[in-house]
Amino acid sequence: MEIFLEIGDVNGIGSTFGQLGIMASGRCRAAEGLRLVTLGAMILGPTESDNFEIVESWANGLASELNYTQEQFDAMSLELVEAYQKDNGLSLIDAAFADPVPDPDKV
């Protein structure tokens, strides 16, 4: 991701967000995965990339699986724009792959 960001490869950035989102959802982090996949689709949309349709279908599938309403999806999309402007979305990746917070009763 850092290389794609450094060289400004929008197709690589969007596709990588999509792939990371699918990986996160496979780790039982579907909501975080949806955020990453949706950001990927948002980045790829204006590029006319062939990957856009794939990533968009992943986003739609995850949103449906999570029963997101259009209003929830729209609100999430606004948050994603802010996260991307803030730190290129890297905090979203960190959140998706962070280890779960340990249960204080089990420590």
PDB file of N, CA and C in Angstrom:
ATOM      1  N   MET A   1       0.825  -1.193   0.000  1.00  0.00           N
ATOM      2  CA  MET A   1       0.000   0.000   0.000  1.00  0.00           C
ATOM      3  C   MET A   1       0.865   1.249   0.000  1.00  0.00           C
ATOM      4  N   GLU A   2       1.922   1.236   0.819  1.00  0.00           N
ATOM      5  CA  GLU A   2       2.773   2.428   0.891  1.00  0.00           C
ATOM      6  C   GLU A   2       3.383   2.768  -0.457  1.00  0.00           C
ATOM      7  N   ILE A   3       3.768   1.757  -1.219  1.00  0.00           N
ATOM      8  CA  ILE A   3       4.367   2.008  -2.535  1.00  0.00           C
ATOM      9  C   ILE A   3       3.325   2.610  -3.474  1.00  0.00           C
ATOM     10  N   PHE A   4       2.117   2.028  -3.475  1.00  0.00           N
ATOM     11  CA  PHE A   4       1.059   2.580  -4.330  1.00  0.00           C
ATOM     12  C   PHE A   4       0.764   4.030  -3.959  1.00  0.00           C
ATOM     13  N   LEU A   5       0.724   4.327  -2.663  1.00  0.00           N
ATOM     14  CA  LEU A   5       0.483   5.702  -2.223  1.00  0.00           C
ATOM     15  C   LEU A   5       1.624   6.619  -2.657  1.00  0.00           C
ATOM     16  N   GLU A   6       2.851   6.125  -2.509  1.00  0.00           N
ATOM     17  CA  GLU A   6       4.021   6.943  -2.852  1.00  0.00           C
ATOM     18  C   GLU A   6       4.061   7.294  -4.332  1.00  0.00           C
ATOM     19  N   ILE A   7       3.713   6.328  -5.191  1.00  0.00           N
ATOM     20  CA  ILE A   7       3.785   6.599  -6.627  1.00  0.00           C
ATOM     21  C   ILE A   7       2.463   7.105  -7.199  1.00  0.00           C
ATOM     22  N   GLY A   8       1.436   7.162  -6.358  1.00  0.00           N
ATOM     23  CA  GLY A   8       0.152   7.690  -6.804  1.00  0.00           C
ATOM     24  C   GLY A   8      -0.622   6.751  -7.714  1.00  0.00           C
ATOM     25  N   ASP A   9      -0.438   5.440  -7.548  1.00  0.00           N
ATOM     26  CA  ASP A   9      -1.128   4.442  -8.361  1.00  0.00           C
ATOM     27  C   ASP A   9      -2.541   4.241  -7.811  1.00  0.00           C
ATOM     28  N   VAL A  10      -3.487   4.998  -8.344  1.00  0.00           N
ATOM     29  CA  VAL A  10      -4.857   4.987  -7.841  1.00  0.00           C
ATOM     30  C   VAL A  10      -5.484   3.607  -7.999  1.00  0.00           C
ATOM     31  N   ASN A  11      -5.237   2.935  -9.103  1.00  0.00           N
ATOM     32  CA  ASN A  11      -5.775   1.591  -9.305  1.00  0.00           C
ATOM     33  C   ASN A  11      -5.218   0.629  -8.249  1.00  0.00           C
ATOM     34  N   GLY A  12      -3.932   0.715  -7.983  1.00  0.00           N
ATOM     35  CA  GLY A  12      -3.317  -0.125  -6.965  1.00  0.00           C
ATOM     36  C   GLY A  12      -3.850   0.176  -5.572  1.00  0.00           C
ATOM     37  N   ILE A  13      -4.040   1.442  -5.274  1.00  0.00           N
ATOM     38  CA  ILE A  13      -4.560   1.842  -3.956  1.00  0.00           C
ATOM     39  C   ILE A  13      -5.971   1.299  -3.763  1.00  0.00           C
ATOM     40  N   GLY A  14      -6.843   1.563  -4.709  1.00  0.00           N
ATOM     41  CA  GLY A  14      -8.230   1.125  -4.596  1.00  0.00           C
ATOM     42  C   GLY A  14      -8.358  -0.390  -4.546  1.00  0.00           C
ATOM     43  N   SER A  15      -7.616  -1.076  -5.408  1.00  0.00           N
ATOM     44  CA  SER A  15      -7.669  -2.536  -5.433  1.00  0.00           C
ATOM     45  C   SER A  15      -7.143  -3.137  -4.139  1.00  0.00           C
ATOM     46  N   THR A  16      -6.092  -2.550  -3.602  1.00  0.00           N
ATOM     47  CA  THR A  16      -5.520  -3.056  -2.355  1.00  0.00           C
ATOM     48  C   THR A  16      -6.485  -2.852  -1.195  1.00  0.00           C
ATOM     49  N   PHE A  17      -7.142  -1.698  -1.129  1.00  0.00           N
ATOM     50  CA  PHE A  17      -8.152  -1.500  -0.093  1.00  0.00           C
ATOM     51  C   PHE A  17      -9.232  -2.579  -0.207  1.00  0.00           C
ATOM     52  N   GLY A  18      -9.659  -2.859  -1.424  1.00  0.00           N
ATOM     53  CA  GLY A  18     -10.674  -3.891  -1.626  1.00  0.00           C
ATOM     54  C   GLY A  18     -10.213  -5.249  -1.148  1.00  0.00           C
ATOM     55  N   GLN A  19      -9.002  -5.637  -1.515  1.00  0.00           N
ATOM     56  CA  GLN A  19      -8.461  -6.937  -1.113  1.00  0.00           C
ATOM     57  C   GLN A  19      -8.288  -7.023   0.402  1.00  0.00           C
ATOM     58  N   LEU A  20      -7.805  -5.952   0.999  1.00  0.00           N
ATOM     59  CA  LEU A  20      -7.653  -5.943   2.461  1.00  0.00           C
ATOM     60  C   LEU A  20      -9.012  -6.043   3.152  1.00  0.00           C
ATOM     61  N   GLY A  21     -10.024  -5.435   2.561  1.00  0.00           N
ATOM     62  CA  GLY A  21     -11.364  -5.530   3.117  1.00  0.00           C
ATOM     63  C   GLY A  21     -11.893  -6.952   3.102  1.00  0.00           C
ATOM     64  N   ILE A  22     -11.650  -7.655   2.016  1.00  0.00           N
ATOM     65  CA  ILE A  22     -12.074  -9.059   1.939  1.00  0.00           C
ATOM     66  C   ILE A  22     -11.312  -9.889   2.963  1.00  0.00           C
ATOM     67  N   MET A  23     -10.026  -9.623   3.124  1.00  0.00           N
ATOM     68  CA  MET A  23      -9.237 -10.333   4.128  1.00  0.00           C
ATOM     69  C   MET A  23      -9.767 -10.060   5.532  1.00  0.00           C
ATOM     70  N   ALA A  24     -10.082  -8.818   5.821  1.00  0.00           N
ATOM     71  CA  ALA A  24     -10.601  -8.463   7.145  1.00  0.00           C
ATOM     72  C   ALA A  24     -11.935  -9.153   7.410  1.00  0.00           C
ATOM     73  N   SER A  25     -12.803  -9.176   6.408  1.00  0.00           N
ATOM     74  CA  SER A  25     -14.097  -9.827   6.607  1.00  0.00           C
ATOM     75  C   SER A  25     -13.915 -11.326   6.830  1.00  0.00           C
ATOM     76  N   GLY A  26     -12.893 -11.898   6.227  1.00  0.00           N
ATOM     77  CA  GLY A  26     -12.581 -13.307   6.451  1.00  0.00           C
ATOM     78  C   GLY A  26     -12.051 -13.583   7.846  1.00  0.00           C
ATOM     79  N   ARG A  27     -11.606 -12.541   8.526  1.00  0.00           N
ATOM     80  CA  ARG A  27     -11.129 -12.660   9.910  1.00  0.00           C
ATOM     81  C   ARG A  27     -12.226 -12.270  10.897  1.00  0.00           C
ATOM     82  N   CYS A  28     -13.467 -12.407  10.479  1.00  0.00           N
ATOM     83  CA  CYS A  28     -14.630 -12.087  11.321  1.00  0.00           C
ATOM     84  C   CYS A  28     -14.689 -10.609  11.677  1.00  0.00           C
ATOM     85  N   ARG A  29     -14.249  -9.774  10.785  1.00  0.00           N
ATOM     86  CA  ARG A  29     -14.336  -8.323  10.958  1.00  0.00           C
ATOM     87  C   ARG A  29     -15.047  -7.737   9.744  1.00  0.00           C
ATOM     88  N   ALA A  30     -16.290  -8.187   9.576  1.00  0.00           N
ATOM     89  CA  ALA A  30     -17.047  -7.800   8.385  1.00  0.00           C
ATOM     90  C   ALA A  30     -17.283  -6.301   8.295  1.00  0.00           C
ATOM     91  N   ALA A  31     -17.585  -5.651   9.412  1.00  0.00           N
ATOM     92  CA  ALA A  31     -17.849  -4.207   9.372  1.00  0.00           C
ATOM     93  C   ALA A  31     -16.598  -3.439   8.961  1.00  0.00           C
ATOM     94  N   GLU A  32     -15.462  -3.821   9.519  1.00  0.00           N
ATOM     95  CA  GLU A  32     -14.203  -3.168   9.145  1.00  0.00           C
ATOM     96  C   GLU A  32     -13.857  -3.489   7.693  1.00  0.00           C
ATOM     97  N   GLY A  33     -14.135  -4.728   7.287  1.00  0.00           N
ATOM     98  CA  GLY A  33     -13.899  -5.118   5.899  1.00  0.00           C
ATOM     99  C   GLY A  33     -14.744  -4.313   4.941  1.00  0.00           C
ATOM    100  N   LEU A  34     -16.003  -4.099   5.309  1.00  0.00           N
ATOM    101  CA  LEU A  34     -16.889  -3.294   4.469  1.00  0.00           C
ATOM    102  C   LEU A  34     -16.332  -1.891   4.296  1.00  0.00           C
ATOM    103  N   ARG A  35     -15.817  -1.330   5.350  1.00  0.00           N
ATOM    104  CA  ARG A  35     -15.259   0.025   5.271  1.00  0.00           C
ATOM    105  C   ARG A  35     -14.106   0.061   4.259  1.00  0.00           C
ATOM    106  N   LEU A  36     -13.223  -0.922   4.339  1.00  0.00           N
ATOM    107  CA  LEU A  36     -12.069  -0.948   3.433  1.00  0.00           C
ATOM    108  C   LEU A  36     -12.497  -1.190   1.987  1.00  0.00           C
ATOM    109  N   VAL A  37     -13.401  -2.139   1.786  1.00  0.00           N
ATOM    110  CA  VAL A  37     -13.857  -2.442   0.427  1.00  0.00           C
ATOM    111  C   VAL A  37     -14.587  -1.238  -0.170  1.00  0.00           C
ATOM    112  N   THR A  38     -15.413  -0.597   0.626  1.00  0.00           N
ATOM    113  CA  THR A  38     -16.144   0.569   0.130  1.00  0.00           C
ATOM    114  C   THR A  38     -15.188   1.702  -0.231  1.00  0.00           C
ATOM    115  N   LEU A  39     -14.179   1.906   0.603  1.00  0.00           N
ATOM    116  CA  LEU A  39     -13.190   2.935   0.269  1.00  0.00           C
ATOM    117  C   LEU A  39     -12.489   2.586  -1.039  1.00  0.00           C
ATOM    118  N   GLY A  40     -12.157   1.322  -1.204  1.00  0.00           N
ATOM    119  CA  GLY A  40     -11.546   0.889  -2.456  1.00  0.00           C
ATOM    120  C   GLY A  40     -12.425   1.198  -3.655  1.00  0.00           C
ATOM    121  N   ALA A  41     -13.711   0.918  -3.529  1.00  0.00           N
ATOM    122  CA  ALA A  41     -14.646   1.198  -4.626  1.00  0.00           C
ATOM    123  C   ALA A  41     -14.762   2.697  -4.883  1.00  0.00           C
ATOM    124  N   MET A  42     -14.753   3.477  -3.811  1.00  0.00           N
ATOM    125  CA  MET A  42     -14.833   4.929  -3.961  1.00  0.00           C
ATOM    126  C   MET A  42     -13.607   5.475  -4.694  1.00  0.00           C
ATOM    127  N   ILE A  43     -12.461   4.899  -4.418  1.00  0.00           N
ATOM    128  CA  ILE A  43     -11.229   5.346  -5.061  1.00  0.00           C
ATOM    129  C   ILE A  43     -11.211   4.918  -6.523  1.00  0.00           C
ATOM    130  N   LEU A  44     -11.670   3.690  -6.797  1.00  0.00           N
ATOM    131  CA  LEU A  44     -11.628   3.166  -8.162  1.00  0.00           C
ATOM    132  C   LEU A  44     -12.702   3.745  -9.071  1.00  0.00           C
ATOM    133  N   GLY A  45     -13.823   4.189  -8.500  1.00  0.00           N
ATOM    134  CA  GLY A  45     -14.955   4.657  -9.300  1.00  0.00           C
ATOM    135  C   GLY A  45     -14.608   5.628 -10.403  1.00  0.00           C
ATOM    136  N   PRO A  46     -13.924   6.707 -10.100  1.00  0.00           N
ATOM    137  CA  PRO A  46     -13.617   7.691 -11.146  1.00  0.00           C
ATOM    138  C   PRO A  46     -12.539   7.257 -12.140  1.00  0.00           C
ATOM    139  N   THR A  47     -11.865   6.136 -11.902  1.00  0.00           N
ATOM    140  CA  THR A  47     -10.727   5.747 -12.737  1.00  0.00           C
ATOM    141  C   THR A  47     -11.103   4.925 -13.952  1.00  0.00           C
ATOM    142  N   GLU A  48     -12.336   4.459 -14.023  1.00  0.00           N
ATOM    143  CA  GLU A  48     -12.767   3.559 -15.090  1.00  0.00           C
ATOM    144  C   GLU A  48     -11.957   2.271 -15.102  1.00  0.00           C
ATOM    145  N   SER A  49     -11.456   1.874 -13.947  1.00  0.00           N
ATOM    146  CA  SER A  49     -10.688   0.642 -13.812  1.00  0.00           C
ATOM    147  C   SER A  49     -11.606  -0.566 -13.929  1.00  0.00           C
ATOM    148  N   ASP A  50     -11.094  -1.626 -14.527  1.00  0.00           N
ATOM    149  CA  ASP A  50     -11.838  -2.879 -14.591  1.00  0.00           C
ATOM    150  C   ASP A  50     -12.079  -3.443 -13.195  1.00  0.00           C
ATOM    151  N   ASN A  51     -11.221  -3.105 -12.256  1.00  0.00           N
ATOM    152  CA  ASN A  51     -11.357  -3.605 -10.890  1.00  0.00           C
ATOM    153  C   ASN A  51     -12.519  -2.966 -10.142  1.00  0.00           C
ATOM    154  N   PHE A  52     -13.001  -1.836 -10.621  1.00  0.00           N
ATOM    155  CA  PHE A  52     -14.089  -1.147  -9.932  1.00  0.00           C
ATOM    156  C   PHE A  52     -15.310  -2.047  -9.747  1.00  0.00           C
ATOM    157  N   GLU A  53     -15.736  -2.697 -10.810  1.00  0.00           N
ATOM    158  CA  GLU A  53     -16.940  -3.532 -10.726  1.00  0.00           C
ATOM    159  C   GLU A  53     -16.762  -4.664  -9.718  1.00  0.00           C
ATOM    160  N   ILE A  54     -15.582  -5.245  -9.657  1.00  0.00           N
ATOM    161  CA  ILE A  54     -15.309  -6.330  -8.715  1.00  0.00           C
ATOM    162  C   ILE A  54     -15.392  -5.809  -7.288  1.00  0.00           C
ATOM    163  N   VAL A  55     -14.684  -4.724  -7.019  1.00  0.00           N
ATOM    164  CA  VAL A  55     -14.634  -4.177  -5.666  1.00  0.00           C
ATOM    165  C   VAL A  55     -16.007  -3.648  -5.259  1.00  0.00           C
ATOM    166  N   GLU A  56     -16.710  -3.039  -6.183  1.00  0.00           N
ATOM    167  CA  GLU A  56     -18.051  -2.552  -5.886  1.00  0.00           C
ATOM    168  C   GLU A  56     -18.981  -3.711  -5.526  1.00  0.00           C
ATOM    169  N   SER A  57     -18.857  -4.830  -6.229  1.00  0.00           N
ATOM    170  CA  SER A  57     -19.710  -5.980  -5.912  1.00  0.00           C
ATOM    171  C   SER A  57     -19.362  -6.547  -4.538  1.00  0.00           C
ATOM    172  N   TRP A  58     -18.086  -6.518  -4.168  1.00  0.00           N
ATOM    173  CA  TRP A  58     -17.697  -6.949  -2.819  1.00  0.00           C
ATOM    174  C   TRP A  58     -18.351  -6.044  -1.776  1.00  0.00           C
ATOM    175  N   ALA A  59     -18.311  -4.742  -2.017  1.00  0.00           N
ATOM    176  CA  ALA A  59     -18.904  -3.791  -1.073  1.00  0.00           C
ATOM    177  C   ALA A  59     -20.408  -4.028  -0.951  1.00  0.00           C
ATOM    178  N   ASN A  60     -21.074  -4.199  -2.067  1.00  0.00           N
ATOM    179  CA  ASN A  60     -22.518  -4.432  -2.033  1.00  0.00           C
ATOM    180  C   ASN A  60     -22.850  -5.729  -1.300  1.00  0.00           C
ATOM    181  N   GLY A  61     -22.054  -6.763  -1.531  1.00  0.00           N
ATOM    182  CA  GLY A  61     -22.284  -8.041  -0.862  1.00  0.00           C
ATOM    183  C   GLY A  61     -22.115  -7.951   0.644  1.00  0.00           C
ATOM    184  N   LEU A  62     -21.047  -7.285   1.076  1.00  0.00           N
ATOM    185  CA  LEU A  62     -20.818  -7.137   2.516  1.00  0.00           C
ATOM    186  C   LEU A  62     -21.885  -6.256   3.159  1.00  0.00           C
ATOM    187  N   ALA A  63     -22.266  -5.186   2.484  1.00  0.00           N
ATOM    188  CA  ALA A  63     -23.300  -4.302   3.023  1.00  0.00           C
ATOM    189  C   ALA A  63     -24.614  -5.059   3.174  1.00  0.00           C
ATOM    190  N   SER A  64     -24.930  -5.891   2.209  1.00  0.00           N
ATOM    191  CA  SER A  64     -26.144  -6.697   2.276  1.00  0.00           C
ATOM    192  C   SER A  64     -26.056  -7.711   3.410  1.00  0.00           C
ATOM    193  N   GLU A  65     -24.903  -8.357   3.535  1.00  0.00           N
ATOM    194  CA  GLU A  65     -24.683  -9.336   4.603  1.00  0.00           C
ATOM    195  C   GLU A  65     -24.855  -8.710   5.982  1.00  0.00           C
ATOM    196  N   LEU A  66     -24.429  -7.464   6.108  1.00  0.00           N
ATOM    197  CA  LEU A  66     -24.524  -6.746   7.387  1.00  0.00           C
ATOM    198  C   LEU A  66     -25.849  -6.004   7.553  1.00  0.00           C
ATOM    199  N   ASN A  67     -26.726  -6.129   6.556  1.00  0.00           N
ATOM    200  CA  ASN A  67     -28.036  -5.465   6.583  1.00  0.00           C
ATOM    201  C   ASN A  67     -27.934  -3.949   6.720  1.00  0.00           C
ATOM    202  N   TYR A  68     -26.961  -3.349   6.037  1.00  0.00           N
ATOM    203  CA  TYR A  68     -26.831  -1.893   6.066  1.00  0.00           C
ATOM    204  C   TYR A  68     -27.967  -1.259   5.281  1.00  0.00           C
ATOM    205  N   THR A  69     -28.555  -0.227   5.859  1.00  0.00           N
ATOM    206  CA  THR A  69     -29.525   0.574   5.118  1.00  0.00           C
ATOM    207  C   THR A  69     -28.757   1.558   4.242  1.00  0.00           C
ATOM    208  N   GLN A  70     -29.444   2.174   3.313  1.00  0.00           N
ATOM    209  CA  GLN A  70     -28.801   3.177   2.468  1.00  0.00           C
ATOM    210  C   GLN A  70     -28.271   4.329   3.310  1.00  0.00           C
ATOM    211  N   GLU A  71     -29.028   4.700   4.338  1.00  0.00           N
ATOM    212  CA  GLU A  71     -28.606   5.797   5.219  1.00  0.00           C
ATOM    213  C   GLU A  71     -27.321   5.433   5.963  1.00  0.00           C
ATOM    214  N   GLN A  72     -27.234   4.203   6.458  1.00  0.00           N
ATOM    215  CA  GLN A  72     -26.020   3.763   7.151  1.00  0.00           C
ATOM    216  C   GLN A  72     -24.827   3.743   6.188  1.00  0.00           C
ATOM    217  N   PHE A  73     -25.081   3.264   4.979  1.00  0.00           N
ATOM    218  CA  PHE A  73     -24.021   3.189   3.978  1.00  0.00           C
ATOM    219  C   PHE A  73     -23.528   4.585   3.610  1.00  0.00           C
ATOM    220  N   ASP A  74     -24.465   5.521   3.442  1.00  0.00           N
ATOM    221  CA  ASP A  74     -24.097   6.899   3.094  1.00  0.00           C
ATOM    222  C   ASP A  74     -23.296   7.554   4.214  1.00  0.00           C
ATOM    223  N   ALA A  75     -23.719   7.342   5.462  1.00  0.00           N
ATOM    224  CA  ALA A  75     -22.999   7.913   6.608  1.00  0.00           C
ATOM    225  C   ALA A  75     -21.590   7.329   6.694  1.00  0.00           C
ATOM    226  N   MET A  76     -21.479   6.024   6.480  1.00  0.00           N
ATOM    227  CA  MET A  76     -20.169   5.384   6.501  1.00  0.00           C
ATOM    228  C   MET A  76     -19.282   5.958   5.390  1.00  0.00           C
ATOM    229  N   SER A  77     -19.851   6.160   4.223  1.00  0.00           N
ATOM    230  CA  SER A  77     -19.084   6.691   3.094  1.00  0.00           C
ATOM    231  C   SER A  77     -18.497   8.065   3.407  1.00  0.00           C
ATOM    232  N   LEU A  78     -19.277   8.905   4.082  1.00  0.00           N
ATOM    233  CA  LEU A  78     -18.764  10.222   4.479  1.00  0.00           C
ATOM    234  C   LEU A  78     -17.591  10.076   5.446  1.00  0.00           C
ATOM    235  N   GLU A  79     -17.702   9.156   6.386  1.00  0.00           N
ATOM    236  CA  GLU A  79     -16.606   8.905   7.330  1.00  0.00           C
ATOM    237  C   GLU A  79     -15.358   8.414   6.606  1.00  0.00           C
ATOM    238  N   LEU A  80     -15.556   7.611   5.572  1.00  0.00           N
ATOM    239  CA  LEU A  80     -14.422   7.081   4.817  1.00  0.00           C
ATOM    240  C   LEU A  80     -13.676   8.188   4.073  1.00  0.00           C
ATOM    241  N   VAL A  81     -14.422   9.130   3.535  1.00  0.00           N
ATOM    242  CA  VAL A  81     -13.791  10.267   2.849  1.00  0.00           C
ATOM    243  C   VAL A  81     -12.906  11.025   3.834  1.00  0.00           C
ATOM    244  N   GLU A  82     -13.430  11.252   5.035  1.00  0.00           N
ATOM    245  CA  GLU A  82     -12.651  11.967   6.061  1.00  0.00           C
ATOM    246  C   GLU A  82     -11.408  11.176   6.458  1.00  0.00           C
ATOM    247  N   ALA A  83     -11.550   9.861   6.627  1.00  0.00           N
ATOM    248  CA  ALA A  83     -10.410   9.030   7.012  1.00  0.00           C
ATOM    249  C   ALA A  83      -9.351   9.030   5.918  1.00  0.00           C
ATOM    250  N   TYR A  84      -9.786   9.007   4.659  1.00  0.00           N
ATOM    251  CA  TYR A  84      -8.820   9.012   3.559  1.00  0.00           C
ATOM    252  C   TYR A  84      -8.102  10.356   3.468  1.00  0.00           C
ATOM    253  N   GLN A  85      -8.830  11.433   3.700  1.00  0.00           N
ATOM    254  CA  GLN A  85      -8.204  12.752   3.680  1.00  0.00           C
ATOM    255  C   GLN A  85      -7.234  12.917   4.842  1.00  0.00           C
ATOM    256  N   LYS A  86      -7.560  12.326   5.961  1.00  0.00           N
ATOM    257  CA  LYS A  86      -6.744  12.460   7.167  1.00  0.00           C
ATOM    258  C   LYS A  86      -5.411  11.722   7.049  1.00  0.00           C
ATOM    259  N   ASP A  87      -5.456  10.438   6.690  1.00  0.00           N
ATOM    260  CA  ASP A  87      -4.219   9.642   6.702  1.00  0.00           C
ATOM    261  C   ASP A  87      -4.164   8.595   5.592  1.00  0.00           C
ATOM    262  N   ASN A  88      -4.792   8.907   4.470  1.00  0.00           N
ATOM    263  CA  ASN A  88      -4.858   7.984   3.336  1.00  0.00           C
ATOM    264  C   ASN A  88      -5.544   6.670   3.685  1.00  0.00           C
ATOM    265  N   GLY A  89      -6.358   6.670   4.731  1.00  0.00           N
ATOM    266  CA  GLY A  89      -7.096   5.478   5.120  1.00  0.00           C
ATOM    267  C   GLY A  89      -6.294   4.442   5.876  1.00  0.00           C
ATOM    268  N   LEU A  90      -5.059   4.785   6.222  1.00  0.00           N
ATOM    269  CA  LEU A  90      -4.214   3.803   6.913  1.00  0.00           C
ATOM    270  C   LEU A  90      -4.760   3.439   8.288  1.00  0.00           C
ATOM    271  N   SER A  91      -5.444   4.364   8.947  1.00  0.00           N
ATOM    272  CA  SER A  91      -6.042   4.049  10.253  1.00  0.00           C
ATOM    273  C   SER A  91      -7.155   3.012  10.105  1.00  0.00           C
ATOM    274  N   LEU A  92      -7.818   2.994   8.954  1.00  0.00           N
ATOM    275  CA  LEU A  92      -8.850   1.989   8.714  1.00  0.00           C
ATOM    276  C   LEU A  92      -8.236   0.601   8.599  1.00  0.00           C
ATOM    277  N   ILE A  93      -7.076   0.533   7.975  1.00  0.00           N
ATOM    278  CA  ILE A  93      -6.369  -0.747   7.867  1.00  0.00           C
ATOM    279  C   ILE A  93      -5.944  -1.205   9.253  1.00  0.00           C
ATOM    280  N   ASP A  94      -5.377  -0.287  10.020  1.00  0.00           N
ATOM    281  CA  ASP A  94      -4.961  -0.628  11.393  1.00  0.00           C
ATOM    282  C   ASP A  94      -6.139  -1.156  12.200  1.00  0.00           C
ATOM    283  N   ALA A  95      -7.279  -0.499  12.096  1.00  0.00           N
ATOM    284  CA  ALA A  95      -8.457  -0.917  12.860  1.00  0.00           C
ATOM    285  C   ALA A  95      -8.954  -2.294  12.425  1.00  0.00           C
ATOM    286  N   ALA A  96      -8.868  -2.570  11.142  1.00  0.00           N
ATOM    287  CA  ALA A  96      -9.360  -3.849  10.628  1.00  0.00           C
ATOM    288  C   ALA A  96      -8.492  -5.025  11.043  1.00  0.00           C
ATOM    289  N   PHE A  97      -7.209  -4.775  11.244  1.00  0.00           N
ATOM    290  CA  PHE A  97      -6.291  -5.880  11.530  1.00  0.00           C
ATOM    291  C   PHE A  97      -5.703  -5.829  12.933  1.00  0.00           C
ATOM    292  N   ALA A  98      -6.226  -4.938  13.758  1.00  0.00           N
ATOM    293  CA  ALA A  98      -5.759  -4.858  15.146  1.00  0.00           C
ATOM    294  C   ALA A  98      -6.193  -6.115  15.887  1.00  0.00           C
ATOM    295  N   ASP A  99      -5.358  -6.541  16.788  1.00  0.00           N
ATOM    296  CA  ASP A  99      -5.738  -7.667  17.621  1.00  0.00           C
ATOM    297  C   ASP A  99      -6.921  -7.261  18.475  1.00  0.00           C
ATOM    298  N   PRO A 100      -7.806  -8.208  18.774  1.00  0.00           N
ATOM    299  CA  PRO A 100      -8.937  -7.840  19.625  1.00  0.00           C
ATOM    300  C   PRO A 100      -8.469  -7.431  21.013  1.00  0.00           C
ATOM    301  N   VAL A 101      -9.242  -6.540  21.593  1.00  0.00           N
ATOM    302  CA  VAL A 101      -8.932  -6.086  22.955  1.00  0.00           C
ATOM    303  C   VAL A 101      -9.139  -7.261  23.895  1.00  0.00           C
ATOM    304  N   PRO A 102      -8.137  -7.593  24.727  1.00  0.00           N
ATOM    305  CA  PRO A 102      -8.312  -8.740  25.610  1.00  0.00           C
ATOM    306  C   PRO A 102      -9.392  -8.484  26.654  1.00  0.00           C
ATOM    307  N   ASP A 103     -10.090  -9.535  26.992  1.00  0.00           N
ATOM    308  CA  ASP A 103     -11.103  -9.466  28.042  1.00  0.00           C
ATOM    309  C   ASP A 103     -10.390  -9.307  29.378  1.00  0.00           C
ATOM    310  N   PRO A 104     -10.681  -8.235  30.134  1.00  0.00           N
ATOM    311  CA  PRO A 104      -9.979  -7.992  31.398  1.00  0.00           C
ATOM    312  C   PRO A 104     -10.129  -9.139  32.400  1.00  0.00           C
ATOM    313  N   ASP A 105     -11.216  -9.874  32.305  1.00  0.00           N
ATOM    314  CA  ASP A 105     -11.441 -10.996  33.224  1.00  0.00           C
ATOM    315  C   ASP A 105     -10.553 -12.198  32.907  1.00  0.00           C
ATOM    316  N   LYS A 106      -9.986 -12.228  31.692  1.00  0.00           N
ATOM    317  CA  LYS A 106      -9.166 -13.365  31.266  1.00  0.00           C
ATOM    318  C   LYS A 106      -7.684 -13.063  31.251  1.00  0.00           C
ATOM    319  N   VAL A 107      -7.310 -11.854  31.654  1.00  0.00           N
ATOM    320  CA  VAL A 107      -5.900 -11.468  31.636  1.00  0.00           C
ATOM    321  C   VAL A 107      -5.234 -11.892  32.910  1.00  0.00           C
TER     322      VAL A 107
END
